[in-house]
């Protein structure tokens, strides 16, 4: 089944029959763990960072020989009907009886999500909750015996305070081919050609910093017409942008593309990535992907983004009022700081070369080898605890 673009503002053509889709990652058990993932969100979502990260973790576990399966809704961007929700819930009970998992991994805080998690607990299955962002605040979400994992040390500290739970840090596994493709030239390998590349911004919606990027595009159009911006759609397509009266696609210094599955091609033409998120990102998967391709990233100092940057570049400020209101006035000092940081990389050959070198050095910390090893380490420990409790 081909995944559909979904989330806010997307049209979903999912049929009711698809709601119970089970995406199975096959592996022979061979004495290994039986691990299942359950969620009301679609695991095949190509836009959601949480879904992409979870798929990569499950693939890592399957490749290590564990028996891994997933039971999720298939529709994206469409609220399930009560009949579909009931069928998903009933199907999960049957799935539990058939697959007999020892560990169930889940994310989501909706009523249905918690019912799915409770059904697994009732079957004496160890629950592992995945915290992918900083916005989860549901009383009694974590139960005695549950384990928690999250995608950054920032989130681990946050949920230690919020739920008094020790969450294991499991950085996202970024497959090398998602950042670089063999035989595809990468602009960052040739810093002297950076001005032929793009300043890239992914997911142009208000809480991702659209207001700031729009101001930078306006200023560049007046002062630096040679700087070209590449905007990649994410959670909202161009039609939604038009209804929001965002006119960026028509600007002479903007290239606008729909959501891309081949992000390696995008990164190969990028000179700089902008990530001025107006909310507390749990981590910053796109930061790691771009840095793995050698592309310098300008990101803010909020949430898990500084952790993802890892010292490759100094995080830039975002006013607190923009976190509370994504359309709030930025103030000239914020635009100046970001525009100056951008033009410093654009104009200074040596500064750009240093940034590329630092970026690649930082990316090693989040290499696929290191992050896959961490996934296996965490689940081996969880599996040992499950064995000890039986």
Protein backbone atom coordinates (compact mmCIF):
# COMPACT_ATOMS: atom_id res chain seq x y z
CA UNK A 1 0.00 0.00 0.00
CA UNK A 2 1.37 3.39 -0.95
CA UNK A 3 1.41 5.77 2.04
CA UNK A 4 -0.68 8.91 1.70
CA UNK A 5 0.23 12.39 2.68
CA UNK A 6 -1.74 13.28 5.72
CA UNK A 7 -1.65 15.28 8.90
CA UNK A 8 -3.22 18.71 9.23
CA UNK A 9 -4.63 20.06 6.01
CA UNK A 10 -4.03 16.96 3.91
CA UNK A 11 -6.72 15.10 2.07
CA UNK A 12 -6.97 11.45 3.05
CA UNK A 13 -8.45 8.90 0.68
CA UNK A 14 -8.03 5.99 3.09
CA UNK A 15 -10.84 3.48 3.03
CA UNK A 16 -12.38 2.05 6.19
CA UNK A 17 -10.89 -1.32 5.29
CA UNK A 18 -7.40 0.16 5.52
CA UNK A 19 -7.82 1.37 9.08
CA UNK A 20 -6.70 -1.94 10.53
CA UNK A 21 -3.59 -2.14 8.37
CA UNK A 22 -0.78 -4.05 10.01
CA UNK A 23 2.68 -3.17 8.76
CA UNK A 24 4.83 -6.22 9.53
CA UNK A 25 8.61 -6.27 9.52
CA UNK A 26 9.53 -9.91 9.21
CA UNK A 27 12.31 -11.69 11.04
CA UNK A 28 12.79 -15.19 12.37
CA UNK A 29 12.47 -15.31 16.12
CA UNK A 30 15.45 -17.59 16.81
CA UNK A 31 15.15 -17.16 20.57
CA UNK A 32 15.01 -13.38 20.22
CA UNK A 33 12.44 -10.94 21.58
CA UNK A 34 8.91 -10.60 20.26
CA UNK A 35 8.38 -6.86 19.90
CA UNK A 36 5.24 -5.10 18.64
CA UNK A 37 4.49 -1.47 17.92
CA UNK A 38 0.98 -0.09 18.25
CA UNK A 39 -0.36 3.38 17.51
CA UNK A 40 -3.37 5.21 16.12
CA UNK A 41 -0.91 7.07 13.90
CA UNK A 42 0.31 5.58 10.63
CA UNK A 43 3.77 4.07 10.83
CA UNK A 44 4.17 4.56 7.07
CA UNK A 45 3.87 8.36 7.34
CA UNK A 46 6.68 9.84 5.25
CA UNK A 47 6.35 13.30 6.83
CA UNK A 48 6.20 12.55 10.55
CA UNK A 49 9.66 12.50 12.13
CA UNK A 50 8.34 10.28 14.93
CA UNK A 51 7.06 7.70 12.44
CA UNK A 52 10.30 7.75 10.45
CA UNK A 53 12.38 7.38 13.61
CA UNK A 54 10.21 4.54 14.92
CA UNK A 55 10.40 2.67 11.61
CA UNK A 56 14.18 2.94 11.66
CA UNK A 57 14.34 1.62 15.22
CA UNK A 58 12.03 -1.31 14.41
CA UNK A 59 14.04 -2.13 11.29
CA UNK A 60 17.19 -2.15 13.42
CA UNK A 61 15.62 -4.62 15.84
CA UNK A 62 14.35 -6.82 13.01
CA UNK A 63 17.77 -6.85 11.35
CA UNK A 64 19.22 -8.10 14.65
CA UNK A 65 16.91 -11.11 14.50
CA UNK A 66 14.09 -10.01 16.78
CA UNK A 67 10.52 -10.77 15.76
CA UNK A 68 9.11 -7.33 15.08
CA UNK A 69 5.60 -6.37 14.03
CA UNK A 70 3.48 -3.24 13.94
CA UNK A 71 -0.25 -2.66 14.24
CA UNK A 72 -1.31 0.86 13.28
CA UNK A 73 -3.97 2.86 11.53
CA UNK A 74 -3.16 3.49 7.89
CA UNK A 75 -5.00 6.76 7.31
CA UNK A 76 -3.17 10.06 7.67
CA UNK A 77 -4.80 13.38 8.37
CA UNK A 78 -8.29 11.97 8.86
CA UNK A 79 -10.02 11.38 12.16
CA UNK A 80 -11.26 7.83 12.50
CA UNK A 81 -14.95 7.21 12.86
CA UNK A 82 -16.16 5.53 16.04
CA UNK A 83 -16.74 2.32 14.06
CA UNK A 84 -13.19 2.36 12.72
CA UNK A 85 -11.78 3.07 16.18
CA UNK A 86 -13.73 0.15 17.63
CA UNK A 87 -12.49 -2.12 14.86
CA UNK A 88 -8.90 -1.03 15.47
CA UNK A 89 -9.30 -1.72 19.19
CA UNK A 90 -10.89 -5.14 18.62
CA UNK A 91 -8.29 -6.03 16.03
CA UNK A 92 -5.52 -5.16 18.48
CA UNK A 93 -6.92 -7.67 20.99
CA UNK A 94 -6.83 -10.37 18.32
CA UNK A 95 -3.34 -9.30 17.31
CA UNK A 96 -2.09 -9.56 20.89
CA UNK A 97 -3.43 -13.09 21.19
CA UNK A 98 -1.90 -14.11 17.87
CA UNK A 99 1.50 -12.36 18.01
CA UNK A 100 2.02 -12.83 21.78
CA UNK A 101 4.56 -9.98 22.04
CA UNK A 102 6.79 -9.69 25.08
CA UNK A 103 7.30 -5.95 24.56
CA UNK A 104 4.89 -3.40 23.09
CA UNK A 105 6.25 -0.02 22.01
CA UNK A 106 3.75 2.80 21.62
CA UNK A 107 3.35 6.53 21.28
CA UNK A 108 0.24 8.69 21.37
CA UNK A 109 -1.88 10.13 24.17
CA UNK A 110 -5.40 10.04 22.76
CA UNK A 111 -8.09 8.06 24.55
CA UNK A 112 -7.85 5.30 21.96
CA UNK A 113 -4.03 5.23 22.19
CA UNK A 114 -4.23 4.76 25.94
CA UNK A 115 -6.84 2.03 25.52
CA UNK A 116 -4.53 0.16 23.15
CA UNK A 117 -1.69 0.49 25.63
CA UNK A 118 -3.92 -0.65 28.50
CA UNK A 119 -4.96 -3.75 26.55
CA UNK A 120 -1.30 -4.73 26.27
CA UNK A 121 -0.77 -4.19 30.00
CA UNK A 122 -3.80 -6.36 30.71
CA UNK A 123 -2.08 -9.10 28.70
CA UNK A 124 0.98 -8.81 30.98
CA UNK A 125 3.09 -7.28 28.23
CA UNK A 126 5.86 -4.82 29.08
CA UNK A 127 4.96 -1.37 27.71
CA UNK A 128 7.65 0.92 26.32
CA UNK A 129 6.40 4.48 25.77
CA UNK A 130 8.18 6.63 23.21
CA UNK A 131 8.35 10.36 23.93
CA UNK A 132 9.15 12.19 20.71
CA UNK A 133 8.22 15.75 21.64
CA UNK A 134 7.88 18.06 24.62
CA UNK A 135 4.11 18.51 24.45
CA UNK A 136 3.04 15.28 26.16
CA UNK A 137 1.36 16.08 29.48
CA UNK A 138 -1.28 13.49 30.29
CA UNK A 139 -1.88 12.46 33.93
CA UNK A 140 -1.31 8.78 34.65
CA UNK A 141 0.17 8.16 31.20
CA UNK A 142 3.06 6.15 32.66
CA UNK A 143 2.09 3.13 34.76
CA UNK A 144 4.21 1.10 37.21
CA UNK A 145 6.38 -1.31 35.26
CA UNK A 146 6.33 0.79 32.07
CA UNK A 147 9.61 1.77 30.47
CA UNK A 148 10.15 5.02 28.59
CA UNK A 149 12.45 6.03 25.77
CA UNK A 150 12.90 9.43 24.19
CA UNK A 151 14.92 10.97 21.38
CA UNK A 152 17.10 13.41 23.37
CA UNK A 153 18.63 14.16 26.74
CA UNK A 154 16.52 17.32 26.76
CA UNK A 155 13.33 15.22 26.73
CA UNK A 156 14.72 12.74 29.25
CA UNK A 157 15.21 15.56 31.76
CA UNK A 158 11.82 17.08 30.94
CA UNK A 159 9.93 13.83 31.54
CA UNK A 160 11.99 12.99 34.57
CA UNK A 161 10.51 16.11 36.13
CA UNK A 162 7.02 15.69 34.64
CA UNK A 163 6.42 11.98 35.26
CA UNK A 164 9.25 11.04 37.65
CA UNK A 165 10.32 8.46 35.08
CA UNK A 166 13.83 7.62 33.96
CA UNK A 167 13.58 7.66 30.17
CA UNK A 168 16.36 6.10 28.14
CA UNK A 169 17.82 8.36 25.45
CA UNK A 170 17.57 6.70 22.03
CA UNK A 171 18.69 9.09 19.31
CA UNK A 172 16.97 8.58 15.93
CA UNK A 173 18.63 6.17 13.54
CA UNK A 174 19.38 8.09 10.34
CA UNK A 175 20.14 5.76 7.49
CA UNK A 176 23.16 7.00 5.48
CA UNK A 177 21.27 6.76 2.21
CA UNK A 178 18.70 9.26 3.49
CA UNK A 179 21.44 11.90 3.72
CA UNK A 180 23.76 10.89 0.91
CA UNK A 181 23.32 8.67 -2.12
CA UNK A 182 26.23 6.91 -3.77
CA UNK A 183 27.21 8.66 -6.97
CA UNK A 184 25.21 11.82 -6.23
CA UNK A 185 27.48 14.90 -5.98
CA UNK A 186 27.03 16.86 -2.75
CA UNK A 187 27.44 20.62 -2.76
CA UNK A 188 29.01 20.63 0.71
CA UNK A 189 31.94 18.64 -0.72
CA UNK A 190 32.76 21.74 -2.77
CA UNK A 191 32.45 24.72 -0.41
CA UNK A 192 33.67 27.11 -3.11
CA UNK A 193 30.43 26.36 -5.01
CA UNK A 194 28.10 27.03 -2.08
CA UNK A 195 26.57 30.14 -3.67
CA UNK A 196 25.22 27.91 -6.44
CA UNK A 197 23.19 26.03 -3.85
CA UNK A 198 20.10 26.75 -1.81
CA UNK A 199 19.21 27.94 1.65
CA UNK A 200 16.76 25.16 2.51
CA UNK A 201 13.72 25.31 4.78
CA UNK A 202 11.60 22.20 5.38
CA UNK A 203 7.97 22.14 6.48
CA UNK A 204 6.88 25.79 6.01
CA UNK A 205 4.24 26.12 8.73
CA UNK A 206 3.94 28.70 11.52
CA UNK A 207 5.29 26.65 14.42
CA UNK A 208 8.34 25.65 12.38
CA UNK A 209 9.38 29.30 12.07
CA UNK A 210 7.67 30.35 8.86
CA UNK A 211 7.38 33.98 10.00
CA UNK A 212 11.14 34.33 10.44
CA UNK A 213 12.01 32.60 7.16
CA UNK A 214 9.55 34.82 5.33
CA UNK A 215 11.26 37.92 6.78
CA UNK A 216 14.67 36.57 5.73
CA UNK A 217 13.41 35.88 2.21
CA UNK A 218 12.01 39.41 1.99
CA UNK A 219 15.30 40.93 3.11
CA UNK A 220 17.38 38.73 0.84
CA UNK A 221 15.18 39.74 -2.08
CA UNK A 222 16.02 43.39 -1.41
CA UNK A 223 19.67 43.09 -0.41
CA UNK A 224 20.95 39.72 -1.64
CA UNK A 225 18.98 38.66 -4.73
CA UNK A 226 21.59 36.01 -5.52
CA UNK A 227 20.63 33.98 -2.44
CA UNK A 228 18.05 31.36 -3.44
CA UNK A 229 15.74 29.62 -0.97
CA UNK A 230 14.44 26.07 -1.40
CA UNK A 231 11.17 25.44 0.47
CA UNK A 232 10.05 21.82 0.91
CA UNK A 233 6.42 21.18 1.85
CA UNK A 234 5.73 19.06 4.89
CA UNK A 235 2.57 19.00 6.95
CA UNK A 236 0.71 21.47 4.75
CA UNK A 237 0.68 21.63 0.92
CA UNK A 238 0.74 24.74 -1.23
CA UNK A 239 -3.06 25.02 -1.29
CA UNK A 240 -3.12 25.43 2.49
CA UNK A 241 -0.37 28.03 2.26
CA UNK A 242 -2.46 29.97 -0.24
CA UNK A 243 -5.43 29.97 2.14
CA UNK A 244 -3.10 31.28 4.84
CA UNK A 245 -2.13 34.06 2.37
CA UNK A 246 1.49 32.88 2.26
CA UNK A 247 2.80 34.00 -1.12
CA UNK A 248 6.30 32.53 -0.97
CA UNK A 249 5.91 30.20 -3.97
CA UNK A 250 5.65 33.22 -6.25
CA UNK A 251 8.84 34.94 -5.08
CA UNK A 252 11.72 35.18 -7.60
CA UNK A 253 14.24 34.01 -4.98
CA UNK A 254 12.18 30.99 -3.87
CA UNK A 255 12.00 27.47 -5.28
CA UNK A 256 9.02 25.61 -3.82
CA UNK A 257 8.69 21.82 -3.95
CA UNK A 258 6.12 19.37 -2.59
CA UNK A 259 7.12 16.88 0.12
CA UNK A 260 10.06 14.79 -1.05
CA UNK A 261 10.79 11.13 -0.42
CA UNK A 262 14.33 11.47 -1.78
CA UNK A 263 15.79 13.86 0.78
CA UNK A 264 19.35 12.98 -0.26
CA UNK A 265 18.71 14.85 -3.52
CA UNK A 266 17.50 17.87 -1.54
CA UNK A 267 20.52 17.85 0.76
CA UNK A 268 22.91 17.49 -2.18
CA UNK A 269 21.81 20.91 -3.47
CA UNK A 270 21.62 22.63 -0.09
CA UNK A 271 24.29 25.05 1.11
CA UNK A 272 22.61 25.86 4.44
CA UNK A 273 19.59 24.51 6.33
CA UNK A 274 17.33 26.85 8.31
CA UNK A 275 15.55 25.41 11.36
CA UNK A 276 14.10 28.29 13.41
CA UNK A 277 11.43 26.24 15.14
CA UNK A 278 8.88 28.19 17.19
CA UNK A 279 8.22 25.30 19.55
CA UNK A 280 10.36 23.01 21.67
CA UNK A 281 11.55 20.38 19.24
CA UNK A 282 12.19 17.06 20.92
CA UNK A 283 15.41 16.70 18.96
CA UNK A 284 15.93 17.65 15.31
CA UNK A 285 16.12 14.69 12.95
CA UNK A 286 16.49 16.96 9.90
CA UNK A 287 19.50 18.60 11.57
CA UNK A 288 21.28 15.25 11.80
CA UNK A 289 20.32 14.32 8.25
CA UNK A 290 21.71 17.56 6.84
CA UNK A 291 24.83 17.43 8.99
CA UNK A 292 25.46 13.87 7.82
CA UNK A 293 25.54 15.33 4.31
CA UNK A 294 27.96 18.02 5.50
CA UNK A 295 25.43 20.85 5.29
CA UNK A 296 25.76 23.57 7.98
CA UNK A 297 22.57 24.17 9.96
CA UNK A 298 21.26 27.38 11.51
CA UNK A 299 18.90 26.37 14.32
CA UNK A 300 17.45 28.02 17.40
CA UNK A 301 18.36 27.59 21.04
CA UNK A 302 15.09 25.97 22.15
CA UNK A 303 14.33 22.39 23.19
CA UNK A 304 16.44 19.60 21.72
CA UNK A 305 17.83 21.53 18.73
CA UNK A 306 21.07 22.64 20.47
CA UNK A 307 21.66 18.97 21.35
CA UNK A 308 21.23 17.96 17.70
CA UNK A 309 23.59 20.75 16.61
CA UNK A 310 26.17 19.39 19.02
CA UNK A 311 28.38 22.47 18.84
CA UNK A 312 28.65 22.53 15.05
CA UNK A 313 27.09 26.01 15.03
CA UNK A 314 26.01 28.39 17.77
CA UNK A 315 22.23 28.19 18.34
CA UNK A 316 20.42 31.41 17.49
CA UNK A 317 17.79 33.17 19.61
CA UNK A 318 14.02 33.12 19.18
CA UNK A 319 11.86 35.45 21.34
CA UNK A 320 9.77 33.65 23.94
CA UNK A 321 6.66 35.43 22.64
CA UNK A 322 7.04 33.52 19.34
CA UNK A 323 6.81 30.23 21.23
CA UNK A 324 3.54 31.37 22.78
CA UNK A 325 2.21 32.95 19.56
CA UNK A 326 3.72 31.69 16.31
CA UNK A 327 2.59 34.85 14.51
CA UNK A 328 4.02 37.30 17.06
CA UNK A 329 6.30 40.10 15.91
CA UNK A 330 9.91 38.91 15.83
CA UNK A 331 11.53 42.27 16.32
CA UNK A 332 14.34 43.56 14.06
CA UNK A 333 17.10 42.19 16.30
CA UNK A 334 16.02 38.57 15.75
CA UNK A 335 15.87 38.91 11.96
CA UNK A 336 19.24 40.68 12.03
CA UNK A 337 20.89 37.89 14.05
CA UNK A 338 19.66 35.16 11.70
CA UNK A 339 20.35 37.08 8.49
CA UNK A 340 23.85 37.97 9.66
CA UNK A 341 24.60 34.33 10.52
CA UNK A 342 23.38 33.27 7.08
CA UNK A 343 25.35 35.83 5.12
CA UNK A 344 28.50 35.11 7.15
CA UNK A 345 28.42 31.52 5.86
CA UNK A 346 27.40 32.64 2.38
CA UNK A 347 30.15 35.24 1.97
CA UNK A 348 33.12 33.87 3.94
CA UNK A 349 34.79 30.92 2.27
CA UNK A 350 36.89 30.01 5.31
CA UNK A 351 33.95 30.32 7.71
CA UNK A 352 31.90 28.01 5.52
CA UNK A 353 34.70 25.43 5.28
CA UNK A 354 35.04 25.42 9.07
CA UNK A 355 31.29 25.01 9.46
CA UNK A 356 31.26 22.05 7.07
CA UNK A 357 34.13 20.38 8.94
CA UNK A 358 32.47 20.92 12.33
CA UNK A 359 29.17 19.69 10.95
CA UNK A 360 30.68 16.42 9.75
CA UNK A 361 32.51 15.92 13.03
CA UNK A 362 29.28 16.39 14.98
CA UNK A 363 27.39 14.02 12.68
CA UNK A 364 29.68 11.16 13.76
CA UNK A 365 28.10 11.26 17.22
CA UNK A 366 24.77 10.38 15.62
CA UNK A 367 26.10 7.92 13.04
CA UNK A 368 23.87 5.02 12.01
CA UNK A 369 26.32 2.59 13.62
CA UNK A 370 26.23 4.39 16.97
CA UNK A 371 22.48 4.90 17.07
CA UNK A 372 21.69 1.35 15.97
CA UNK A 373 23.96 0.01 18.69
CA UNK A 374 22.10 2.13 21.22
CA UNK A 375 18.71 0.80 20.07
CA UNK A 376 19.91 -2.76 20.54
CA UNK A 377 21.47 -1.94 23.90
CA UNK A 378 18.23 -0.45 25.23
CA UNK A 379 15.99 -3.28 24.07
CA UNK A 380 18.42 -5.96 25.20
CA UNK A 381 18.23 -4.47 28.70
CA UNK A 382 14.43 -4.25 28.55
CA UNK A 383 14.26 -7.84 27.34
CA UNK A 384 16.46 -8.99 30.20
CA UNK A 385 14.15 -7.25 32.68
CA UNK A 386 11.14 -8.95 31.08
CA UNK A 387 12.83 -12.32 31.48
CA UNK A 388 13.72 -11.65 35.09
CA UNK A 389 10.11 -10.75 35.91
CA UNK A 390 8.75 -14.06 34.64
